[in-house]
């Protein structure tokens, strides 16, 4: 994984194993990464908690680009 507990505040994408066995992604800013849990705030303001045991991959990604106005 290229993201970890030192990336609190950074924008990341997490790939996680879902209860039904499928994989799902979470994109947002890490609010907390401790005690085996990663808490990410998404663009919509929703907070998602992911157990480290369910993580398949974690990657730091660039900040969202703001489109320029003509």
Foldseek 3Di string as FASTA:
>chain_A
DADAQVQQQFWKKWWFQDPVGDIDIDTAGWNGGDPQWTWGQHPVRDIDIDGVVGTPDMDGDDDDDDDDDD
